[in-house]
Amino acid sequence: MKYAGLLVMPAGFFLSIAALVLFPSPAPRAAFVFCGLAVEGLGLVVAVRGHMEARGGSRS
């Protein structure tokens, strides 16, 4: 899953850039930029959770 998160983050970035280029009016542009930032955030969460160690292992 950590690699999926690392692939999703650039997708959100390019979604935000595409929204800035393609939408002339500010309302849809802002909505798509917000969605792109949300996708980046979700990708970051997935990547971080994929790199975390599992809880509850054996204690010595």
PDB file of N, CA and C in Angstrom:
ATOM      1  N   MET A   1       0.803  -1.200   0.000  1.00  0.00           N
ATOM      2  CA  MET A   1       0.000   0.000   0.000  1.00  0.00           C
ATOM      3  C   MET A   1       0.847   1.266   0.000  1.00  0.00           C
ATOM      4  N   LYS A   2       2.074   1.161   0.510  1.00  0.00           N
ATOM      5  CA  LYS A   2       2.872   2.383   0.565  1.00  0.00           C
ATOM      6  C   LYS A   2       3.202   2.895  -0.832  1.00  0.00           C
ATOM      7  N   TYR A   3       3.345   1.986  -1.797  1.00  0.00           N
ATOM      8  CA  TYR A   3       3.630   2.429  -3.162  1.00  0.00           C
ATOM      9  C   TYR A   3       2.399   3.040  -3.810  1.00  0.00           C
ATOM     10  N   ALA A   4       1.216   2.559  -3.443  1.00  0.00           N
ATOM     11  CA  ALA A   4      -0.017   3.150  -3.964  1.00  0.00           C
ATOM     12  C   ALA A   4      -0.147   4.592  -3.491  1.00  0.00           C
ATOM     13  N   GLY A   5       0.179   4.833  -2.229  1.00  0.00           N
ATOM     14  CA  GLY A   5       0.130   6.197  -1.720  1.00  0.00           C
ATOM     15  C   GLY A   5       1.114   7.111  -2.420  1.00  0.00           C
ATOM     16  N   LEU A   6       2.275   6.572  -2.724  1.00  0.00           N
ATOM     17  CA  LEU A   6       3.286   7.389  -3.415  1.00  0.00           C
ATOM     18  C   LEU A   6       2.889   7.671  -4.863  1.00  0.00           C
ATOM     19  N   LEU A   7       2.054   6.827  -5.446  1.00  0.00           N
ATOM     20  CA  LEU A   7       1.572   7.077  -6.802  1.00  0.00           C
ATOM     21  C   LEU A   7       0.358   8.010  -6.816  1.00  0.00           C
ATOM     22  N   VAL A   8      -0.408   8.021  -5.733  1.00  0.00           N
ATOM     23  CA  VAL A   8      -1.610   8.854  -5.678  1.00  0.00           C
ATOM     24  C   VAL A   8      -1.249  10.332  -5.463  1.00  0.00           C
ATOM     25  N   MET A   9      -0.179  10.597  -4.733  1.00  0.00           N
ATOM     26  CA  MET A   9       0.189  11.994  -4.461  1.00  0.00           C
ATOM     27  C   MET A   9       0.464  12.792  -5.735  1.00  0.00           C
ATOM     28  N   PRO A  10       1.237  12.292  -6.698  1.00  0.00           N
ATOM     29  CA  PRO A  10       1.413  13.077  -7.936  1.00  0.00           C
ATOM     30  C   PRO A  10       0.121  13.218  -8.730  1.00  0.00           C
ATOM     31  N   ALA A  11      -0.780  12.239  -8.630  1.00  0.00           N
ATOM     32  CA  ALA A  11      -2.061  12.360  -9.328  1.00  0.00           C
ATOM     33  C   ALA A  11      -2.841  13.565  -8.801  1.00  0.00           C
ATOM     34  N   GLY A  12      -2.845  13.747  -7.492  1.00  0.00           N
ATOM     35  CA  GLY A  12      -3.514  14.912  -6.916  1.00  0.00           C
ATOM     36  C   GLY A  12      -2.855  16.215  -7.330  1.00  0.00           C
ATOM     37  N   PHE A  13      -1.539  16.198  -7.409  1.00  0.00           N
ATOM     38  CA  PHE A  13      -0.810  17.398  -7.840  1.00  0.00           C
ATOM     39  C   PHE A  13      -1.184  17.762  -9.275  1.00  0.00           C
ATOM     40  N   PHE A  14      -1.171  16.773 -10.169  1.00  0.00           N
ATOM     41  CA  PHE A  14      -1.498  17.059 -11.563  1.00  0.00           C
ATOM     42  C   PHE A  14      -2.968  17.414 -11.739  1.00  0.00           C
ATOM     43  N   LEU A  15      -3.856  16.901 -10.885  1.00  0.00           N
ATOM     44  CA  LEU A  15      -5.257  17.298 -10.918  1.00  0.00           C
ATOM     45  C   LEU A  15      -5.388  18.778 -10.572  1.00  0.00           C
ATOM     46  N   SER A  16      -4.647  19.229  -9.584  1.00  0.00           N
ATOM     47  CA  SER A  16      -4.686  20.648  -9.208  1.00  0.00           C
ATOM     48  C   SER A  16      -4.129  21.533 -10.311  1.00  0.00           C
ATOM     49  N   ILE A  17      -3.031  21.129 -10.913  1.00  0.00           N
ATOM     50  CA  ILE A  17      -2.436  21.919 -12.010  1.00  0.00           C
ATOM     51  C   ILE A  17      -3.373  21.967 -13.215  1.00  0.00           C
ATOM     52  N   ALA A  18      -3.990  20.834 -13.537  1.00  0.00           N
ATOM     53  CA  ALA A  18      -4.924  20.799 -14.667  1.00  0.00           C
ATOM     54  C   ALA A  18      -6.129  21.698 -14.408  1.00  0.00           C
ATOM     55  N   ALA A  19      -6.606  21.744 -13.176  1.00  0.00           N
ATOM     56  CA  ALA A  19      -7.735  22.611 -12.856  1.00  0.00           C
ATOM     57  C   ALA A  19      -7.365  24.075 -13.049  1.00  0.00           C
ATOM     58  N   LEU A  20      -6.156  24.451 -12.662  1.00  0.00           N
ATOM     59  CA  LEU A  20      -5.732  25.842 -12.843  1.00  0.00           C
ATOM     60  C   LEU A  20      -5.647  26.216 -14.313  1.00  0.00           C
ATOM     61  N   VAL A  21      -5.261  25.267 -15.136  1.00  0.00           N
ATOM     62  CA  VAL A  21      -5.089  25.551 -16.560  1.00  0.00           C
ATOM     63  C   VAL A  21      -6.421  25.510 -17.310  1.00  0.00           C
ATOM     64  N   LEU A  22      -7.283  24.552 -16.978  1.00  0.00           N
ATOM     65  CA  LEU A  22      -8.460  24.296 -17.803  1.00  0.00           C
ATOM     66  C   LEU A  22      -9.702  25.106 -17.438  1.00  0.00           C
ATOM     67  N   PHE A  23      -9.887  25.462 -16.179  1.00  0.00           N
ATOM     68  CA  PHE A  23     -11.124  26.137 -15.780  1.00  0.00           C
ATOM     69  C   PHE A  23     -10.923  27.644 -15.735  1.00  0.00           C
ATOM     70  N   PRO A  24     -11.707  28.381 -16.524  1.00  0.00           N
ATOM     71  CA  PRO A  24     -11.551  29.838 -16.519  1.00  0.00           C
ATOM     72  C   PRO A  24     -12.228  30.520 -15.327  1.00  0.00           C
ATOM     73  N   SER A  25     -13.359  29.980 -14.863  1.00  0.00           N
ATOM     74  CA  SER A  25     -14.061  30.638 -13.752  1.00  0.00           C
ATOM     75  C   SER A  25     -13.550  30.120 -12.410  1.00  0.00           C
ATOM     76  N   PRO A  26     -13.567  30.970 -11.400  1.00  0.00           N
ATOM     77  CA  PRO A  26     -12.925  30.615 -10.134  1.00  0.00           C
ATOM     78  C   PRO A  26     -13.645  29.544  -9.316  1.00  0.00           C
ATOM     79  N   ALA A  27     -14.967  29.416  -9.419  1.00  0.00           N
ATOM     80  CA  ALA A  27     -15.685  28.458  -8.564  1.00  0.00           C
ATOM     81  C   ALA A  27     -15.319  27.003  -8.887  1.00  0.00           C
ATOM     82  N   PRO A  28     -15.438  26.559 -10.146  1.00  0.00           N
ATOM     83  CA  PRO A  28     -15.035  25.171 -10.425  1.00  0.00           C
ATOM     84  C   PRO A  28     -13.534  24.954 -10.248  1.00  0.00           C
ATOM     85  N   ARG A  29     -12.772  25.980 -10.531  1.00  0.00           N
ATOM     86  CA  ARG A  29     -11.323  25.872 -10.361  1.00  0.00           C
ATOM     87  C   ARG A  29     -10.975  25.604  -8.901  1.00  0.00           C
ATOM     88  N   ALA A  30     -11.582  26.366  -8.000  1.00  0.00           N
ATOM     89  CA  ALA A  30     -11.314  26.190  -6.573  1.00  0.00           C
ATOM     90  C   ALA A  30     -11.768  24.809  -6.093  1.00  0.00           C
ATOM     91  N   ALA A  31     -12.907  24.338  -6.602  1.00  0.00           N
ATOM     92  CA  ALA A  31     -13.401  23.020  -6.201  1.00  0.00           C
ATOM     93  C   ALA A  31     -12.439  21.922  -6.641  1.00  0.00           C
ATOM     94  N   PHE A  32     -11.950  21.999  -7.867  1.00  0.00           N
ATOM     95  CA  PHE A  32     -11.034  20.968  -8.345  1.00  0.00           C
ATOM     96  C   PHE A  32      -9.674  21.057  -7.677  1.00  0.00           C
ATOM     97  N   VAL A  33      -9.216  22.248  -7.379  1.00  0.00           N
ATOM     98  CA  VAL A  33      -7.949  22.395  -6.653  1.00  0.00           C
ATOM     99  C   VAL A  33      -8.093  21.801  -5.258  1.00  0.00           C
ATOM    100  N   PHE A  34      -9.219  22.052  -4.600  1.00  0.00           N
ATOM    101  CA  PHE A  34      -9.457  21.466  -3.287  1.00  0.00           C
ATOM    102  C   PHE A  34      -9.493  19.936  -3.366  1.00  0.00           C
ATOM    103  N   CYS A  35     -10.156  19.408  -4.385  1.00  0.00           N
ATOM    104  CA  CYS A  35     -10.192  17.943  -4.559  1.00  0.00           C
ATOM    105  C   CYS A  35      -8.793  17.389  -4.831  1.00  0.00           C
ATOM    106  N   GLY A  36      -8.004  18.081  -5.608  1.00  0.00           N
ATOM    107  CA  GLY A  36      -6.633  17.640  -5.861  1.00  0.00           C
ATOM    108  C   GLY A  36      -5.793  17.638  -4.599  1.00  0.00           C
ATOM    109  N   LEU A  37      -5.956  18.662  -3.774  1.00  0.00           N
ATOM    110  CA  LEU A  37      -5.228  18.699  -2.505  1.00  0.00           C
ATOM    111  C   LEU A  37      -5.702  17.596  -1.566  1.00  0.00           C
ATOM    112  N   ALA A  38      -6.995  17.285  -1.612  1.00  0.00           N
ATOM    113  CA  ALA A  38      -7.517  16.185  -0.790  1.00  0.00           C
ATOM    114  C   ALA A  38      -6.944  14.846  -1.248  1.00  0.00           C
ATOM    115  N   VAL A  39      -6.820  14.661  -2.551  1.00  0.00           N
ATOM    116  CA  VAL A  39      -6.223  13.425  -3.083  1.00  0.00           C
ATOM    117  C   VAL A  39      -4.764  13.325  -2.656  1.00  0.00           C
ATOM    118  N   GLU A  40      -4.046  14.437  -2.690  1.00  0.00           N
ATOM    119  CA  GLU A  40      -2.658  14.429  -2.224  1.00  0.00           C
ATOM    120  C   GLU A  40      -2.585  14.065  -0.745  1.00  0.00           C
ATOM    121  N   GLY A  41      -3.471  14.627   0.047  1.00  0.00           N
ATOM    122  CA  GLY A  41      -3.494  14.317   1.474  1.00  0.00           C
ATOM    123  C   GLY A  41      -3.795  12.852   1.736  1.00  0.00           C
ATOM    124  N   LEU A  42      -4.751  12.294   1.011  1.00  0.00           N
ATOM    125  CA  LEU A  42      -5.066  10.876   1.173  1.00  0.00           C
ATOM    126  C   LEU A  42      -3.886  10.005   0.763  1.00  0.00           C
ATOM    127  N   GLY A  43      -3.213  10.381  -0.300  1.00  0.00           N
ATOM    128  CA  GLY A  43      -2.019   9.632  -0.708  1.00  0.00           C
ATOM    129  C   GLY A  43      -0.930   9.689   0.340  1.00  0.00           C
ATOM    130  N   LEU A  44      -0.773  10.840   0.969  1.00  0.00           N
ATOM    131  CA  LEU A  44       0.221  10.980   2.030  1.00  0.00           C
ATOM    132  C   LEU A  44      -0.140  10.098   3.225  1.00  0.00           C
ATOM    133  N   VAL A  45      -1.410  10.073   3.582  1.00  0.00           N
ATOM    134  CA  VAL A  45      -1.851   9.231   4.701  1.00  0.00           C
ATOM    135  C   VAL A  45      -1.603   7.763   4.400  1.00  0.00           C
ATOM    136  N   VAL A  46      -1.939   7.325   3.197  1.00  0.00           N
ATOM    137  CA  VAL A  46      -1.724   5.924   2.821  1.00  0.00           C
ATOM    138  C   VAL A  46      -0.238   5.584   2.817  1.00  0.00           C
ATOM    139  N   ALA A  47       0.590   6.488   2.318  1.00  0.00           N
ATOM    140  CA  ALA A  47       2.029   6.234   2.294  1.00  0.00           C
ATOM    141  C   ALA A  47       2.607   6.166   3.702  1.00  0.00           C
ATOM    142  N   VAL A  48       2.184   7.053   4.580  1.00  0.00           N
ATOM    143  CA  VAL A  48       2.696   7.052   5.953  1.00  0.00           C
ATOM    144  C   VAL A  48       2.236   5.804   6.689  1.00  0.00           C
ATOM    145  N   ARG A  49       0.961   5.460   6.539  1.00  0.00           N
ATOM    146  CA  ARG A  49       0.458   4.262   7.218  1.00  0.00           C
ATOM    147  C   ARG A  49       1.113   3.001   6.672  1.00  0.00           C
ATOM    148  N   GLY A  50       1.494   2.998   5.408  1.00  0.00           N
ATOM    149  CA  GLY A  50       2.175   1.837   4.837  1.00  0.00           C
ATOM    150  C   GLY A  50       3.587   1.671   5.367  1.00  0.00           C
ATOM    151  N   HIS A  51       4.204   2.757   5.806  1.00  0.00           N
ATOM    152  CA  HIS A  51       5.570   2.700   6.325  1.00  0.00           C
ATOM    153  C   HIS A  51       5.637   2.519   7.839  1.00  0.00           C
ATOM    154  N   MET A  52       4.490   2.595   8.504  1.00  0.00           N
ATOM    155  CA  MET A  52       4.486   2.432   9.955  1.00  0.00           C
ATOM    156  C   MET A  52       4.670   0.958  10.323  1.00  0.00           C
ATOM    157  N   GLU A  53       5.299   0.729  11.459  1.00  0.00           N
ATOM    158  CA  GLU A  53       5.477  -0.633  11.928  1.00  0.00           C
ATOM    159  C   GLU A  53       4.172  -1.139  12.518  1.00  0.00           C
ATOM    160  N   ALA A  54       3.970  -2.438  12.421  1.00  0.00           N
ATOM    161  CA  ALA A  54       2.766  -3.039  12.981  1.00  0.00           C
ATOM    162  C   ALA A  54       2.791  -2.971  14.500  1.00  0.00           C
ATOM    163  N   ARG A  55       1.639  -2.747  15.104  1.00  0.00           N
ATOM    164  CA  ARG A  55       1.532  -2.675  16.547  1.00  0.00           C
ATOM    165  C   ARG A  55       1.336  -4.061  17.131  1.00  0.00           C
ATOM    166  N   GLY A  56       1.652  -4.202  18.409  1.00  0.00           N
ATOM    167  CA  GLY A  56       1.312  -5.399  19.142  1.00  0.00           C
ATOM    168  C   GLY A  56       2.192  -6.594  18.886  1.00  0.00           C
ATOM    169  N   GLY A  57       3.426  -6.386  18.547  1.00  0.00           N
ATOM    170  CA  GLY A  57       4.350  -7.502  18.367  1.00  0.00           C
ATOM    171  C   GLY A  57       4.712  -8.126  19.709  1.00  0.00           C
ATOM    172  N   SER A  58       5.560  -9.102  19.702  1.00  0.00           N
ATOM    173  CA  SER A  58       5.953  -9.755  20.950  1.00  0.00           C
ATOM    174  C   SER A  58       6.885  -8.834  21.741  1.00  0.00           C
ATOM    175  N   ARG A  59       6.633  -8.737  23.031  1.00  0.00           N
ATOM    176  CA  ARG A  59       7.468  -7.895  23.890  1.00  0.00           C
ATOM    177  C   ARG A  59       8.409  -8.775  24.683  1.00  0.00           C
ATOM    178  N   SER A  60       9.602  -8.305  24.858  1.00  0.00           N
ATOM    179  CA  SER A  60      10.581  -9.087  25.621  1.00  0.00           C
ATOM    180  C   SER A  60      10.753  -8.536  27.006  1.00  0.00           C
TER     181      SER A  60
END
